[in-house]
PDB file of N, CA and C in Angstrom:
ATOM      1  N   LEU A   1     187.200 -38.115-133.279  1.00  0.00           N
ATOM      2  CA  LEU A   1     186.932 -36.689-133.114  1.00  0.00           C
ATOM      3  C   LEU A   1     188.239 -35.929-133.304  1.00  0.00           C
ATOM      4  N   GLU A   2     188.178 -34.877-134.050  1.00  0.00           N
ATOM      5  CA  GLU A   2     189.365 -34.058-134.300  1.00  0.00           C
ATOM      6  C   GLU A   2     189.909 -33.503-132.987  1.00  0.00           C
ATOM      7  N   GLY A   3     191.204 -33.731-132.753  1.00  0.00           N
ATOM      8  CA  GLY A   3     191.841 -33.191-131.559  1.00  0.00           C
ATOM      9  C   GLY A   3     191.808 -34.085-130.341  1.00  0.00           C
ATOM     10  N   PHE A   4     191.067 -35.175-130.379  1.00  0.00           N
ATOM     11  CA  PHE A   4     191.001 -36.082-129.224  1.00  0.00           C
ATOM     12  C   PHE A   4     192.141 -37.080-129.331  1.00  0.00           C
ATOM     13  N   PRO A   5     192.890 -37.373-128.320  1.00  0.00           N
ATOM     14  CA  PRO A   5     192.803 -36.919-126.932  1.00  0.00           C
ATOM     15  C   PRO A   5     193.755 -35.774-126.594  1.00  0.00           C
ATOM     16  N   ASP A   6     194.456 -35.216-127.581  1.00  0.00           N
ATOM     17  CA  ASP A   6     195.440 -34.175-127.275  1.00  0.00           C
ATOM     18  C   ASP A   6     194.814 -32.856-126.854  1.00  0.00           C
ATOM     19  N   PHE A   7     193.799 -32.415-127.567  1.00  0.00           N
ATOM     20  CA  PHE A   7     193.179 -31.129-127.269  1.00  0.00           C
ATOM     21  C   PHE A   7     191.917 -31.272-126.422  1.00  0.00           C
ATOM     22  N   TYR A   8     191.263 -32.432-126.508  1.00  0.00           N
ATOM     23  CA  TYR A   8     190.010 -32.658-125.803  1.00  0.00           C
ATOM     24  C   TYR A   8     190.094 -33.920-124.973  1.00  0.00           C
ATOM     25  N   GLY A   9     189.443 -33.886-123.811  1.00  0.00           N
ATOM     26  CA  GLY A   9     189.223 -35.074-123.019  1.00  0.00           C
ATOM     27  C   GLY A   9     187.740 -35.399-123.112  1.00  0.00           C
ATOM     28  N   LYS A  10     187.340 -36.545-122.617  1.00  0.00           N
ATOM     29  CA  LYS A  10     185.916 -36.859-122.586  1.00  0.00           C
ATOM     30  C   LYS A  10     185.580 -37.546-121.281  1.00  0.00           C
ATOM     31  N   LYS A  11     184.353 -37.348-120.837  1.00  0.00           N
ATOM     32  CA  LYS A  11     183.881 -37.995-119.619  1.00  0.00           C
ATOM     33  C   LYS A  11     182.364 -38.009-119.624  1.00  0.00           C
ATOM     34  N   GLU A  12     181.801 -38.856-118.771  1.00  0.00           N
ATOM     35  CA  GLU A  12     180.357 -38.901-118.607  1.00  0.00           C
ATOM     36  C   GLU A  12     179.964 -38.018-117.439  1.00  0.00           C
ATOM     37  N   VAL A  13     178.875 -37.282-117.622  1.00  0.00           N
ATOM     38  CA  VAL A  13     178.353 -36.407-116.580  1.00  0.00           C
ATOM     39  C   VAL A  13     176.843 -36.576-116.505  1.00  0.00           C
ATOM     40  N   GLU A  14     176.269 -36.141-115.414  1.00  0.00           N
ATOM     41  CA  GLU A  14     174.823 -36.130-115.284  1.00  0.00           C
ATOM     42  C   GLU A  14     174.336 -34.729-115.619  1.00  0.00           C
ATOM     43  N   VAL A  15     173.373 -34.630-116.528  1.00  0.00           N
ATOM     44  CA  VAL A  15     172.826 -33.340-116.933  1.00  0.00           C
ATOM     45  C   VAL A  15     171.311 -33.370-116.834  1.00  0.00           C
ATOM     46  N   GLU A  16     170.730 -32.196-116.761  1.00  0.00           N
ATOM     47  CA  GLU A  16     169.273 -32.103-116.788  1.00  0.00           C
ATOM     48  C   GLU A  16     168.853 -31.748-118.203  1.00  0.00           C
ATOM     49  N   PHE A  17     167.937 -32.524-118.745  1.00  0.00           N
ATOM     50  CA  PHE A  17     167.456 -32.309-120.112  1.00  0.00           C
ATOM     51  C   PHE A  17     165.961 -32.544-120.137  1.00  0.00           C
ATOM     52  N   LYS A  18     165.230 -31.507-120.514  1.00  0.00           N
ATOM     53  CA  LYS A  18     163.770 -31.569-120.567  1.00  0.00           C
ATOM     54  C   LYS A  18     163.180 -32.048-119.249  1.00  0.00           C
ATOM     55  N   GLY A  19     163.733 -31.511-118.153  1.00  0.00           N
ATOM     56  CA  GLY A  19     163.206 -31.803-116.826  1.00  0.00           C
ATOM     57  C   GLY A  19     163.643 -33.130-116.230  1.00  0.00           C
ATOM     58  N   ARG A  20     164.498 -33.876-116.924  1.00  0.00           N
ATOM     59  CA  ARG A  20     164.972 -35.172-116.417  1.00  0.00           C
ATOM     60  C   ARG A  20     166.483 -35.149-116.290  1.00  0.00           C
ATOM     61  N   LYS A  21     166.999 -35.913-115.338  1.00  0.00           N
ATOM     62  CA  LYS A  21     168.454 -36.067-115.217  1.00  0.00           C
ATOM     63  C   LYS A  21     168.865 -37.283-116.033  1.00  0.00           C
ATOM     64  N   ILE A  22     169.840 -37.065-116.915  1.00  0.00           N
ATOM     65  CA  ILE A  22     170.327 -38.148-117.756  1.00  0.00           C
ATOM     66  C   ILE A  22     171.850 -38.158-117.756  1.00  0.00           C
ATOM     67  N   ARG A  23     172.439 -39.278-118.159  1.00  0.00           N
ATOM     68  CA  ARG A  23     173.891 -39.379-118.311  1.00  0.00           C
ATOM     69  C   ARG A  23     174.238 -38.940-119.727  1.00  0.00           C
ATOM     70  N   ALA A  24     175.286 -38.144-119.849  1.00  0.00           N
ATOM     71  CA  ALA A  24     175.720 -37.664-121.161  1.00  0.00           C
ATOM     72  C   ALA A  24     177.240 -37.716-121.232  1.00  0.00           C
ATOM     73  N   MET A  25     177.760 -37.987-122.422  1.00  0.00           N
ATOM     74  CA  MET A  25     179.195 -37.932-122.617  1.00  0.00           C
ATOM     75  C   MET A  25     179.519 -36.546-123.145  1.00  0.00           C
ATOM     76  N   ILE A  26     180.514 -35.922-122.553  1.00  0.00           N
ATOM     77  CA  ILE A  26     180.930 -34.596-122.992  1.00  0.00           C
ATOM     78  C   ILE A  26     182.404 -34.620-123.379  1.00  0.00           C
ATOM     79  N   TYR A  27     182.759 -33.702-124.234  1.00  0.00           N
ATOM     80  CA  TYR A  27     184.159 -33.448-124.555  1.00  0.00           C
ATOM     81  C   TYR A  27     184.506 -32.094-123.958  1.00  0.00           C
ATOM     82  N   TYR A  28     185.708 -31.969-123.435  1.00  0.00           N
ATOM     83  CA  TYR A  28     186.144 -30.712-122.837  1.00  0.00           C
ATOM     84  C   TYR A  28     187.579 -30.440-123.268  1.00  0.00           C
ATOM     85  N   MET A  29     187.934 -29.182-123.308  1.00  0.00           N
ATOM     86  CA  MET A  29     189.293 -28.815-123.711  1.00  0.00           C
ATOM     87  C   MET A  29     190.253 -29.110-122.567  1.00  0.00           C
ATOM     88  N   THR A  30     191.380 -29.711-122.909  1.00  0.00           N
ATOM     89  CA  THR A  30     192.388 -30.005-121.895  1.00  0.00           C
ATOM     90  C   THR A  30     193.065 -28.704-121.451  1.00  0.00           C
ATOM     91  N   ASP A  31     193.666 -28.738-120.271  1.00  0.00           N
ATOM     92  CA  ASP A  31     194.265 -27.537-119.692  1.00  0.00           C
ATOM     93  C   ASP A  31     195.372 -26.938-120.552  1.00  0.00           C
ATOM     94  N   HIS A  32     196.163 -27.767-121.196  1.00  0.00           N
ATOM     95  CA  HIS A  32     197.304 -27.238-121.951  1.00  0.00           C
ATOM     96  C   HIS A  32     196.912 -26.611-123.285  1.00  0.00           C
ATOM     97  N   TYR A  33     195.669 -26.759-123.688  1.00  0.00           N
ATOM     98  CA  TYR A  33     195.241 -26.214-124.977  1.00  0.00           C
ATOM     99  C   TYR A  33     194.926 -24.727-124.895  1.00  0.00           C
ATOM    100  N   GLY A  34     194.469 -24.272-123.759  1.00  0.00           N
ATOM    101  CA  GLY A  34     194.090 -22.867-123.635  1.00  0.00           C
ATOM    102  C   GLY A  34     192.598 -22.681-123.822  1.00  0.00           C
ATOM    103  N   SER A  35     192.197 -21.450-123.969  1.00  0.00           N
ATOM    104  CA  SER A  35     190.767 -21.181-124.134  1.00  0.00           C
ATOM    105  C   SER A  35     190.575 -20.104-125.184  1.00  0.00           C
ATOM    106  N   GLY A  36     189.350 -19.936-125.554  1.00  0.00           N
ATOM    107  CA  GLY A  36     188.998 -18.939-126.550  1.00  0.00           C
ATOM    108  C   GLY A  36     187.768 -19.371-127.314  1.00  0.00           C
ATOM    109  N   ALA A  37     187.341 -18.536-128.191  1.00  0.00           N
ATOM    110  CA  ALA A  37     186.145 -18.822-128.978  1.00  0.00           C
ATOM    111  C   ALA A  37     186.426 -19.926-129.997  1.00  0.00           C
ATOM    112  N   PRO A  38     185.430 -20.757-130.279  1.00  0.00           N
ATOM    113  CA  PRO A  38     185.608 -21.797-131.288  1.00  0.00           C
ATOM    114  C   PRO A  38     185.633 -21.186-132.688  1.00  0.00           C
ATOM    115  N   SER A  39     186.152 -21.958-133.632  1.00  0.00           N
ATOM    116  CA  SER A  39     186.131 -21.485-135.015  1.00  0.00           C
ATOM    117  C   SER A  39     184.681 -21.387-135.489  1.00  0.00           C
ATOM    118  N   GLU A  40     184.462 -20.593-136.510  1.00  0.00           N
ATOM    119  CA  GLU A  40     183.107 -20.425-137.047  1.00  0.00           C
ATOM    120  C   GLU A  40     182.560 -21.758-137.546  1.00  0.00           C
ATOM    121  N   GLY A  41     183.401 -22.551-138.209  1.00  0.00           N
ATOM    122  CA  GLY A  41     182.959 -23.849-138.726  1.00  0.00           C
ATOM    123  C   GLY A  41     182.529 -24.793-137.625  1.00  0.00           C
ATOM    124  N   TYR A  42     183.323 -24.843-136.548  1.00  0.00           N
ATOM    125  CA  TYR A  42     182.985 -25.712-135.419  1.00  0.00           C
ATOM    126  C   TYR A  42     181.707 -25.235-134.737  1.00  0.00           C
ATOM    127  N   LEU A  43     181.600 -23.942-134.545  1.00  0.00           N
ATOM    128  CA  LEU A  43     180.409 -23.378-133.919  1.00  0.00           C
ATOM    129  C   LEU A  43     179.163 -23.710-134.735  1.00  0.00           C
ATOM    130  N   ASN A  44     179.242 -23.562-136.048  1.00  0.00           N
ATOM    131  CA  ASN A  44     178.100 -23.893-136.908  1.00  0.00           C
ATOM    132  C   ASN A  44     177.717 -25.360-136.777  1.00  0.00           C
ATOM    133  N   MET A  45     178.703 -26.255-136.662  1.00  0.00           N
ATOM    134  CA  MET A  45     178.430 -27.677-136.513  1.00  0.00           C
ATOM    135  C   MET A  45     177.705 -27.955-135.196  1.00  0.00           C
ATOM    136  N   VAL A  46     178.142 -27.303-134.121  1.00  0.00           N
ATOM    137  CA  VAL A  46     177.504 -27.498-132.824  1.00  0.00           C
ATOM    138  C   VAL A  46     176.069 -26.968-132.842  1.00  0.00           C
ATOM    139  N   VAL A  47     175.872 -25.789-133.403  1.00  0.00           N
ATOM    140  CA  VAL A  47     174.524 -25.212-133.492  1.00  0.00           C
ATOM    141  C   VAL A  47     173.618 -26.129-134.315  1.00  0.00           C
ATOM    142  N   GLU A  48     174.125 -26.653-135.413  1.00  0.00           N
ATOM    143  CA  GLU A  48     173.329 -27.572-136.239  1.00  0.00           C
ATOM    144  C   GLU A  48     172.929 -28.814-135.439  1.00  0.00           C
ATOM    145  N   GLY A  49     173.856 -29.342-134.634  1.00  0.00           N
ATOM    146  CA  GLY A  49     173.551 -30.498-133.794  1.00  0.00           C
ATOM    147  C   GLY A  49     172.463 -30.187-132.774  1.00  0.00           C
ATOM    148  N   TYR A  50     172.565 -29.029-132.134  1.00  0.00           N
ATOM    149  CA  TYR A  50     171.529 -28.622-131.176  1.00  0.00           C
ATOM    150  C   TYR A  50     170.175 -28.532-131.869  1.00  0.00           C
ATOM    151  N   ARG A  51     170.149 -27.860-133.001  1.00  0.00           N
ATOM    152  CA  ARG A  51     168.874 -27.665-133.711  1.00  0.00           C
ATOM    153  C   ARG A  51     168.289 -28.979-134.205  1.00  0.00           C
ATOM    154  N   SER A  52     169.124 -29.886-134.681  1.00  0.00           N
ATOM    155  CA  SER A  52     168.608 -31.153-135.195  1.00  0.00           C
ATOM    156  C   SER A  52     168.032 -32.025-134.079  1.00  0.00           C
ATOM    157  N   HIS A  53     168.386 -31.719-132.834  1.00  0.00           N
ATOM    158  CA  HIS A  53     167.834 -32.447-131.697  1.00  0.00           C
ATOM    159  C   HIS A  53     166.844 -31.592-130.904  1.00  0.00           C
ATOM    160  N   ASN A  54     166.377 -30.515-131.541  1.00  0.00           N
ATOM    161  CA  ASN A  54     165.382 -29.614-130.928  1.00  0.00           C
ATOM    162  C   ASN A  54     165.812 -29.097-129.565  1.00  0.00           C
ATOM    163  N   MET A  55     167.100 -28.774-129.448  1.00  0.00           N
ATOM    164  CA  MET A  55     167.623 -28.226-128.197  1.00  0.00           C
ATOM    165  C   MET A  55     167.803 -26.721-128.353  1.00  0.00           C
ATOM    166  N   PRO A  56     167.474 -25.959-127.312  1.00  0.00           N
ATOM    167  CA  PRO A  56     167.669 -24.505-127.395  1.00  0.00           C
ATOM    168  C   PRO A  56     169.146 -24.159-127.454  1.00  0.00           C
ATOM    169  N   ILE A  57     169.493 -23.171-128.265  1.00  0.00           N
ATOM    170  CA  ILE A  57     170.902 -22.799-128.419  1.00  0.00           C
ATOM    171  C   ILE A  57     171.316 -21.692-127.444  1.00  0.00           C
ATOM    172  N   MET A  58     170.451 -21.353-126.510  1.00  0.00           N
ATOM    173  CA  MET A  58     170.768 -20.273-125.574  1.00  0.00           C
ATOM    174  C   MET A  58     172.035 -20.561-124.783  1.00  0.00           C
ATOM    175  N   GLN A  59     172.306 -21.828-124.465  1.00  0.00           N
ATOM    176  CA  GLN A  59     173.535 -22.162-123.740  1.00  0.00           C
ATOM    177  C   GLN A  59     174.762 -21.795-124.566  1.00  0.00           C
ATOM    178  N   ILE A  60     174.683 -21.999-125.871  1.00  0.00           N
ATOM    179  CA  ILE A  60     175.800 -21.649-126.747  1.00  0.00           C
ATOM    180  C   ILE A  60     175.979 -20.141-126.778  1.00  0.00           C
ATOM    181  N   VAL A  61     174.881 -19.424-126.914  1.00  0.00           N
ATOM    182  CA  VAL A  61     174.927 -17.961-126.945  1.00  0.00           C
ATOM    183  C   VAL A  61     175.538 -17.436-125.651  1.00  0.00           C
ATOM    184  N   GLN A  62     175.097 -17.979-124.517  1.00  0.00           N
ATOM    185  CA  GLN A  62     175.608 -17.534-123.219  1.00  0.00           C
ATOM    186  C   GLN A  62     177.097 -17.836-123.087  1.00  0.00           C
ATOM    187  N   ALA A  63     177.522 -19.009-123.532  1.00  0.00           N
ATOM    188  CA  ALA A  63     178.942 -19.370-123.453  1.00  0.00           C
ATOM    189  C   ALA A  63     179.787 -18.415-124.289  1.00  0.00           C
ATOM    190  N   LEU A  64     179.299 -18.064-125.477  1.00  0.00           N
ATOM    191  CA  LEU A  64     180.038 -17.125-126.321  1.00  0.00           C
ATOM    192  C   LEU A  64     180.117 -15.749-125.676  1.00  0.00           C
ATOM    193  N   GLU A  65     179.034 -15.322-125.034  1.00  0.00           N
ATOM    194  CA  GLU A  65     179.049 -14.048-124.321  1.00  0.00           C
ATOM    195  C   GLU A  65     180.049 -14.091-123.165  1.00  0.00           C
ATOM    196  N   ASP A  66     180.107 -15.216-122.459  1.00  0.00           N
ATOM    197  CA  ASP A  66     181.046 -15.360-121.337  1.00  0.00           C
ATOM    198  C   ASP A  66     182.493 -15.296-121.844  1.00  0.00           C
ATOM    199  N   ILE A  67     182.759 -15.920-122.979  1.00  0.00           N
ATOM    200  CA  ILE A  67     184.112 -15.876-123.555  1.00  0.00           C
ATOM    201  C   ILE A  67     184.489 -14.443-123.885  1.00  0.00           C
ATOM    202  N   THR A  68     183.547 -13.710-124.470  1.00  0.00           N
ATOM    203  CA  THR A  68     183.796 -12.328-124.861  1.00  0.00           C
ATOM    204  C   THR A  68     184.128 -11.479-123.636  1.00  0.00           C
ATOM    205  N   VAL A  69     183.376 -11.660-122.556  1.00  0.00           N
ATOM    206  CA  VAL A  69     183.607 -10.885-121.334  1.00  0.00           C
ATOM    207  C   VAL A  69     184.969 -11.235-120.750  1.00  0.00           C
ATOM    208  N   CYS A  70     185.346 -12.511-120.763  1.00  0.00           N
ATOM    209  CA  CYS A  70     186.617 -12.948-120.181  1.00  0.00           C
ATOM    210  C   CYS A  70     187.832 -12.451-120.953  1.00  0.00           C
ATOM    211  N   THR A  71     187.673 -12.214-122.237  1.00  0.00           N
ATOM    212  CA  THR A  71     188.822 -11.805-123.042  1.00  0.00           C
ATOM    213  C   THR A  71     188.961 -10.303-123.176  1.00  0.00           C
ATOM    214  N   LEU A  72     188.042  -9.539-122.600  1.00  0.00           N
ATOM    215  CA  LEU A  72     188.141  -8.073-122.681  1.00  0.00           C
ATOM    216  C   LEU A  72     189.164  -7.536-121.701  1.00  0.00           C
TER     217      LEU A  72
END
């Protein structure tokens, strides 16, 4: 994965998906990298992944809105 392990860490977490709790591996930005909106290319890749697995993209939309509010 691009940027791992310098920019991103990974860990397993428990998430709720379609009414069930499952284990999932996530990548997260490390503290020294900072924060901000993802590049358009990366965002498109994530949205495509959500759609190809029939997952709602509302979480992505909400996260982008939260980033916008935090940077104002």
